[in-house]
Amino acid sequence: MPGRFLESYQSFPLASGDSLVTHAVIVVHGAERNANDYFTSMNEAATLAGRSSSTIIIAPQFQTSDDAPAADEPVWTSSGWRSGDLSSSTGPLPRISSYAAIDTILVRLGIRTKFPRLARIVLVGHSAGGQLLHRYAATSRVATTLTDIPIRYIAANPSTWLYLGPERAAGSGFAIPTSAATCVDYDDWHYGLQSRNTYANALPVSLVRQNLVTRDVIVMLGTADTLTADLDVSCGADLQGPRRYQRGLTLLNYMNALTPGNSHRLVTIPGVGHSKSAMFTSVDGRRAIFP
């Protein structure tokens, strides 16, 4: 990003590449914006999987003004970075979407002279990072240009999900909620496809839907993630279910009911709550991240 620099933690240098790297993992932090902790947890998972020597791990840091950013580092609001909003106009210009910043990482990974053996890219986000990943899977344009490198998107324990239509759970099925008149923004971005931001609005709704239906998306849920700490409890979020675990299961039921044949897949981590390290280092978590 000319004139703008996104801080990140890297196990191999992204700029110069590495001829031995076969696997790339981009891991996105949660609301605390502690990319260093996420980098450490993912490195532990890679070591347990026996893949640390062949995997480049990249943990980008999406800063807010509270993080004392340098003058050439873009900043977002605490909710804006996970939604793909443009960076603040008080930072370096031109403004950039947090999703476009991830696009830049993917483009660099796709340079074959730098990563000639790269065979797969996996994007992983936990909590607020999981929110980002589910929306990014629906809207990224760069993924279509990396035709020879499969890309997987793993959203782990997010508060909310992207719905492709106005229906929400109702009884044993899905329908427009009766509270829609009072919860007027329940289907707005990033809960739904209305009032999309600049990045998401660059694609027609039909293509956003197609992306989310066809891309390799794993819904990773800790079965014990049933508490309310840092849970989005707005009316739009509550229409998705009572807790993170139930919301994830409901999203899968929605996708299967309204978009049969979609590529979403469930991975549950038994007994794990809202813990990134326990999710990433679990046996099933490692299988999903390092296939």
Protein backbone atom coordinates (compact mmCIF):
# COMPACT_ATOMS: atom_id res chain seq x y z
CA MET A 1 0.00 0.00 0.00
CA PRO A 2 2.01 3.02 -1.19
CA GLY A 3 2.32 5.60 1.58
CA ARG A 4 0.40 3.39 3.99
CA PHE A 5 1.78 0.57 6.10
CA LEU A 6 -0.26 -2.14 7.82
CA GLU A 7 1.58 -3.53 10.81
CA SER A 8 1.71 -7.33 10.80
CA TYR A 9 3.52 -10.27 12.37
CA GLN A 10 5.10 -12.73 9.91
CA SER A 11 6.83 -16.08 10.37
CA PHE A 12 8.55 -15.67 6.98
CA PRO A 13 9.17 -12.36 5.20
CA LEU A 14 6.22 -11.58 2.95
CA ALA A 15 8.17 -9.01 0.95
CA SER A 16 10.98 -11.34 -0.14
CA GLY A 17 9.09 -14.65 -0.08
CA ASP A 18 10.44 -18.14 0.51
CA SER A 19 10.86 -21.04 -1.91
CA LEU A 20 10.07 -23.68 0.74
CA VAL A 21 6.70 -22.30 1.84
CA THR A 22 3.78 -24.47 0.72
CA HIS A 23 1.03 -23.18 3.02
CA ALA A 24 -0.06 -19.68 4.08
CA VAL A 25 -2.23 -18.80 7.08
CA ILE A 26 -3.57 -15.29 7.56
CA VAL A 27 -4.97 -15.03 11.08
CA VAL A 28 -7.15 -12.08 12.09
CA HIS A 29 -7.37 -10.90 15.69
CA GLY A 30 -10.47 -10.23 17.76
CA ALA A 31 -11.86 -7.04 19.29
CA GLU A 32 -8.81 -6.57 21.55
CA ARG A 33 -6.67 -6.14 18.41
CA ASN A 34 -3.94 -8.32 19.92
CA ALA A 35 -2.42 -9.58 16.70
CA ASN A 36 0.76 -10.64 18.52
CA ASP A 37 -1.19 -13.10 20.69
CA TYR A 38 -2.96 -14.51 17.64
CA PHE A 39 0.38 -14.90 15.89
CA THR A 40 1.74 -16.83 18.88
CA SER A 41 -1.32 -19.10 19.09
CA MET A 42 -1.22 -19.89 15.38
CA ASN A 43 2.50 -20.65 15.52
CA GLU A 44 1.78 -23.10 18.34
CA ALA A 45 -0.91 -24.74 16.21
CA ALA A 46 1.49 -24.98 13.25
CA THR A 47 4.14 -26.60 15.44
CA LEU A 48 1.66 -29.14 16.80
CA ALA A 49 0.59 -29.91 13.22
CA GLY A 50 4.21 -30.36 12.15
CA ARG A 51 3.85 -27.57 9.59
CA SER A 52 5.84 -24.64 11.03
CA SER A 53 8.76 -25.01 8.62
CA SER A 54 6.55 -24.90 5.53
CA THR A 55 3.89 -22.38 6.59
CA ILE A 56 4.02 -18.60 6.47
CA ILE A 57 1.81 -17.18 9.21
CA ILE A 58 0.71 -13.57 8.85
CA ALA A 59 -1.21 -11.73 11.58
CA PRO A 60 -2.26 -8.25 10.44
CA GLN A 61 -2.95 -5.55 13.02
CA PHE A 62 -6.01 -3.39 12.37
CA GLN A 63 -5.40 -0.37 14.54
CA THR A 64 -7.71 2.24 16.02
CA SER A 65 -6.68 5.66 17.27
CA ASP A 66 -6.27 4.11 20.75
CA ASP A 67 -3.29 2.07 19.51
CA ALA A 68 -0.97 5.06 18.97
CA PRO A 69 -0.47 4.37 15.25
CA ALA A 70 2.38 5.92 13.30
CA ALA A 71 1.55 8.66 10.83
CA ASP A 72 1.77 6.30 7.84
CA GLU A 73 -0.41 3.57 9.40
CA PRO A 74 -4.16 3.50 8.62
CA VAL A 75 -6.66 3.37 11.48
CA TRP A 76 -10.27 2.27 11.67
CA THR A 77 -13.07 2.53 14.19
CA SER A 78 -13.43 -0.38 16.60
CA SER A 79 -16.36 -1.73 14.58
CA GLY A 80 -15.27 -0.51 11.15
CA TRP A 81 -12.23 -2.74 10.60
CA ARG A 82 -14.27 -5.93 11.03
CA SER A 83 -16.94 -4.66 8.61
CA GLY A 84 -14.50 -3.70 5.86
CA ASP A 85 -15.05 0.02 6.26
CA LEU A 86 -12.63 2.59 4.91
CA SER A 87 -9.86 3.77 7.22
CA SER A 88 -10.21 7.11 8.95
CA SER A 89 -9.67 10.30 6.98
CA THR A 90 -7.42 11.47 9.82
CA GLY A 91 -4.87 8.83 8.82
CA PRO A 92 -2.85 8.42 5.61
CA LEU A 93 -4.62 8.96 2.31
CA PRO A 94 -6.13 7.57 0.22
CA ARG A 95 -8.36 5.77 2.69
CA ILE A 96 -8.40 1.98 2.44
CA SER A 97 -10.86 -0.73 3.40
CA SER A 98 -9.57 -3.27 5.91
CA TYR A 99 -10.68 -5.92 3.40
CA ALA A 100 -8.58 -4.29 0.68
CA ALA A 101 -5.61 -4.54 3.04
CA ILE A 102 -6.13 -8.31 3.17
CA ASP A 103 -6.43 -8.29 -0.61
CA THR A 104 -2.93 -6.81 -0.73
CA ILE A 105 -1.57 -9.66 1.38
CA LEU A 106 -3.19 -12.22 -0.91
CA VAL A 107 -1.78 -10.55 -4.01
CA ARG A 108 1.73 -10.71 -2.58
CA LEU A 109 1.33 -14.35 -1.62
CA GLY A 110 0.30 -15.06 -5.20
CA ILE A 111 3.56 -13.79 -6.70
CA ARG A 112 5.06 -17.02 -7.97
CA THR A 113 8.61 -15.73 -8.15
CA LYS A 114 8.44 -15.22 -4.37
CA PHE A 115 6.33 -18.21 -3.32
CA PRO A 116 6.79 -20.76 -6.13
CA ARG A 117 5.55 -23.74 -4.09
CA LEU A 118 2.58 -22.15 -2.33
CA ALA A 119 -0.32 -24.61 -2.67
CA ARG A 120 -2.99 -23.27 -0.28
CA ILE A 121 -4.04 -20.13 1.57
CA VAL A 122 -6.18 -20.33 4.71
CA LEU A 123 -7.70 -17.25 6.29
CA VAL A 124 -8.70 -17.68 9.93
CA GLY A 125 -10.48 -15.27 12.24
CA HIS A 126 -11.72 -15.73 15.79
CA SER A 127 -14.48 -13.68 17.44
CA ALA A 128 -14.44 -10.24 15.78
CA GLY A 129 -11.90 -11.65 13.33
CA GLY A 130 -14.42 -14.36 12.52
CA GLN A 131 -16.96 -11.66 11.75
CA LEU A 132 -14.49 -10.12 9.32
CA LEU A 133 -13.69 -13.44 7.64
CA HIS A 134 -17.30 -14.41 6.91
CA ARG A 135 -17.99 -11.05 5.25
CA TYR A 136 -14.66 -11.06 3.45
CA ALA A 137 -15.42 -14.50 1.99
CA ALA A 138 -18.53 -12.97 0.42
CA THR A 139 -16.93 -9.83 -0.99
CA SER A 140 -13.25 -10.40 -1.84
CA ARG A 141 -12.45 -9.85 -5.51
CA VAL A 142 -8.80 -10.88 -5.31
CA ALA A 143 -9.67 -14.51 -4.61
CA THR A 144 -10.93 -14.92 -8.17
CA THR A 145 -7.52 -13.89 -9.55
CA LEU A 146 -5.57 -16.56 -7.63
CA THR A 147 -6.96 -19.38 -9.72
CA ASP A 148 -4.13 -21.82 -9.02
CA ILE A 149 -4.12 -21.44 -5.22
CA PRO A 150 -7.13 -22.78 -3.26
CA ILE A 151 -8.37 -20.43 -0.55
CA ARG A 152 -10.21 -21.46 2.61
CA TYR A 153 -12.05 -19.11 4.98
CA ILE A 154 -12.48 -20.13 8.63
CA ALA A 155 -14.78 -18.08 10.87
CA ALA A 156 -14.42 -19.19 14.49
CA ASN A 157 -16.86 -18.15 17.22
CA PRO A 158 -17.99 -14.79 15.80
CA SER A 159 -20.77 -12.82 17.46
CA THR A 160 -22.70 -12.49 14.20
CA TRP A 161 -22.82 -13.76 10.64
CA LEU A 162 -23.65 -12.36 7.21
CA TYR A 163 -27.15 -13.31 6.04
CA LEU A 164 -27.86 -13.31 2.32
CA GLY A 165 -31.54 -12.38 2.63
CA PRO A 166 -33.98 -10.77 5.07
CA GLU A 167 -35.18 -14.05 6.56
CA ARG A 168 -34.25 -15.07 10.10
CA ALA A 169 -35.09 -18.09 12.21
CA ALA A 170 -38.83 -18.44 12.83
CA GLY A 171 -40.15 -21.61 14.40
CA SER A 172 -38.79 -24.55 12.44
CA GLY A 173 -37.99 -22.43 9.38
CA PHE A 174 -36.98 -18.96 8.26
CA ALA A 175 -39.09 -15.87 7.55
CA ILE A 176 -38.92 -12.10 7.70
CA PRO A 177 -39.02 -11.39 11.45
CA THR A 178 -42.08 -9.82 12.99
CA SER A 179 -39.81 -7.30 14.73
CA ALA A 180 -38.46 -5.97 11.41
CA ALA A 181 -40.48 -2.77 11.77
CA THR A 182 -38.80 -1.88 15.07
CA CYS A 183 -35.37 -3.41 14.41
CA VAL A 184 -34.97 -1.42 11.22
CA ASP A 185 -31.27 -2.11 10.60
CA TYR A 186 -31.29 -5.86 11.23
CA ASP A 187 -30.60 -6.61 7.55
CA ASP A 188 -28.09 -3.78 6.99
CA TRP A 189 -24.41 -4.48 6.46
CA HIS A 190 -22.78 -6.26 8.17
CA TYR A 191 -25.74 -8.35 9.41
CA GLY A 192 -27.24 -8.45 5.92
CA LEU A 193 -26.85 -7.06 2.42
CA GLN A 194 -28.69 -3.75 2.71
CA SER A 195 -26.82 -0.43 3.00
CA ARG A 196 -23.48 -2.02 2.14
CA ASN A 197 -20.25 -0.08 2.62
CA THR A 198 -17.90 1.01 -0.15
CA TYR A 199 -15.97 -2.26 -0.40
CA ALA A 200 -19.00 -4.56 -0.29
CA ASN A 201 -21.04 -2.36 -2.61
CA ALA A 202 -18.44 -2.72 -5.39
CA LEU A 203 -19.95 -6.13 -6.19
CA PRO A 204 -23.56 -6.73 -7.24
CA VAL A 205 -25.67 -8.54 -4.67
CA SER A 206 -25.89 -11.56 -6.97
CA LEU A 207 -22.10 -11.99 -6.93
CA VAL A 208 -21.84 -11.47 -3.16
CA ARG A 209 -24.37 -14.26 -2.72
CA GLN A 210 -22.59 -16.48 -5.22
CA ASN A 211 -19.25 -15.97 -3.47
CA LEU A 212 -20.55 -16.90 -0.05
CA VAL A 213 -22.43 -19.91 -1.38
CA THR A 214 -19.56 -21.36 -3.43
CA ARG A 215 -16.38 -20.51 -1.50
CA ASP A 216 -14.75 -22.94 0.93
CA VAL A 217 -16.08 -21.63 4.26
CA ILE A 218 -15.68 -23.42 7.57
CA VAL A 219 -17.92 -22.45 10.47
CA MET A 220 -15.81 -23.38 13.50
CA LEU A 221 -17.69 -23.40 16.79
CA GLY A 222 -16.67 -24.14 20.34
CA THR A 223 -19.58 -26.06 21.84
CA ALA A 224 -19.09 -24.28 25.18
CA ASP A 225 -19.13 -20.76 23.66
CA THR A 226 -22.51 -20.04 25.22
CA LEU A 227 -21.76 -17.07 27.49
CA THR A 228 -22.40 -13.37 26.88
CA ALA A 229 -18.95 -11.79 27.39
CA ASP A 230 -18.33 -9.25 24.60
CA LEU A 231 -21.35 -10.65 22.73
CA ASP A 232 -23.17 -8.36 20.29
CA VAL A 233 -26.65 -8.02 21.82
CA SER A 234 -28.11 -5.44 19.45
CA CYS A 235 -31.54 -6.32 18.07
CA GLY A 236 -30.01 -7.26 14.71
CA ALA A 237 -27.60 -9.63 16.42
CA ASP A 238 -30.22 -11.11 18.73
CA LEU A 239 -32.33 -12.05 15.71
CA GLN A 240 -29.49 -14.43 14.80
CA GLY A 241 -29.81 -16.35 18.07
CA PRO A 242 -29.06 -16.13 21.80
CA ARG A 243 -25.34 -17.04 21.93
CA ARG A 244 -22.38 -17.57 19.59
CA TYR A 245 -22.68 -21.35 19.43
CA GLN A 246 -26.39 -21.28 18.67
CA ARG A 247 -25.96 -18.45 16.18
CA GLY A 248 -23.42 -20.46 14.23
CA LEU A 249 -25.69 -23.50 14.05
CA THR A 250 -28.60 -21.32 12.97
CA LEU A 251 -26.53 -19.72 10.22
CA LEU A 252 -25.68 -23.16 8.86
CA ASN A 253 -29.34 -24.17 8.97
CA TYR A 254 -30.19 -20.97 7.11
CA MET A 255 -27.59 -21.59 4.41
CA ASN A 256 -28.72 -25.19 3.95
CA ALA A 257 -32.40 -24.22 3.82
CA LEU A 258 -32.13 -21.27 1.45
CA THR A 259 -28.96 -22.08 -0.51
CA PRO A 260 -28.86 -25.89 -0.80
CA GLY A 261 -25.55 -27.19 -2.05
CA ASN A 262 -23.56 -24.34 -0.47
CA SER A 263 -19.95 -24.94 0.53
CA HIS A 264 -20.24 -24.02 4.22
CA ARG A 265 -19.02 -26.76 6.52
CA LEU A 266 -19.30 -27.14 10.29
CA VAL A 267 -16.36 -27.98 12.53
CA THR A 268 -17.20 -28.19 16.24
CA ILE A 269 -14.59 -28.15 18.99
CA PRO A 270 -16.12 -30.04 21.93
CA GLY A 271 -15.96 -28.39 25.35
CA VAL A 272 -14.19 -25.23 24.16
CA GLY A 273 -15.55 -21.79 24.93
CA HIS A 274 -14.45 -18.39 23.61
CA SER A 275 -10.75 -19.22 23.36
CA LYS A 276 -8.73 -18.66 20.21
CA SER A 277 -5.79 -20.78 21.36
CA ALA A 278 -7.98 -23.74 22.33
CA MET A 279 -9.80 -23.50 18.99
CA PHE A 280 -6.65 -23.25 16.87
CA THR A 281 -4.59 -25.90 18.68
CA SER A 282 -7.35 -28.50 19.00
CA VAL A 283 -7.07 -31.61 16.83
CA ASP A 284 -10.05 -30.65 14.67
CA GLY A 285 -8.97 -27.02 14.54
CA ARG A 286 -5.54 -28.01 13.25
CA ARG A 287 -7.06 -30.34 10.67
CA ALA A 288 -9.14 -27.47 9.31
CA ILE A 289 -6.31 -24.93 9.28
CA PHE A 290 -3.60 -27.29 8.01
CA PRO A 291 -5.39 -29.72 5.65
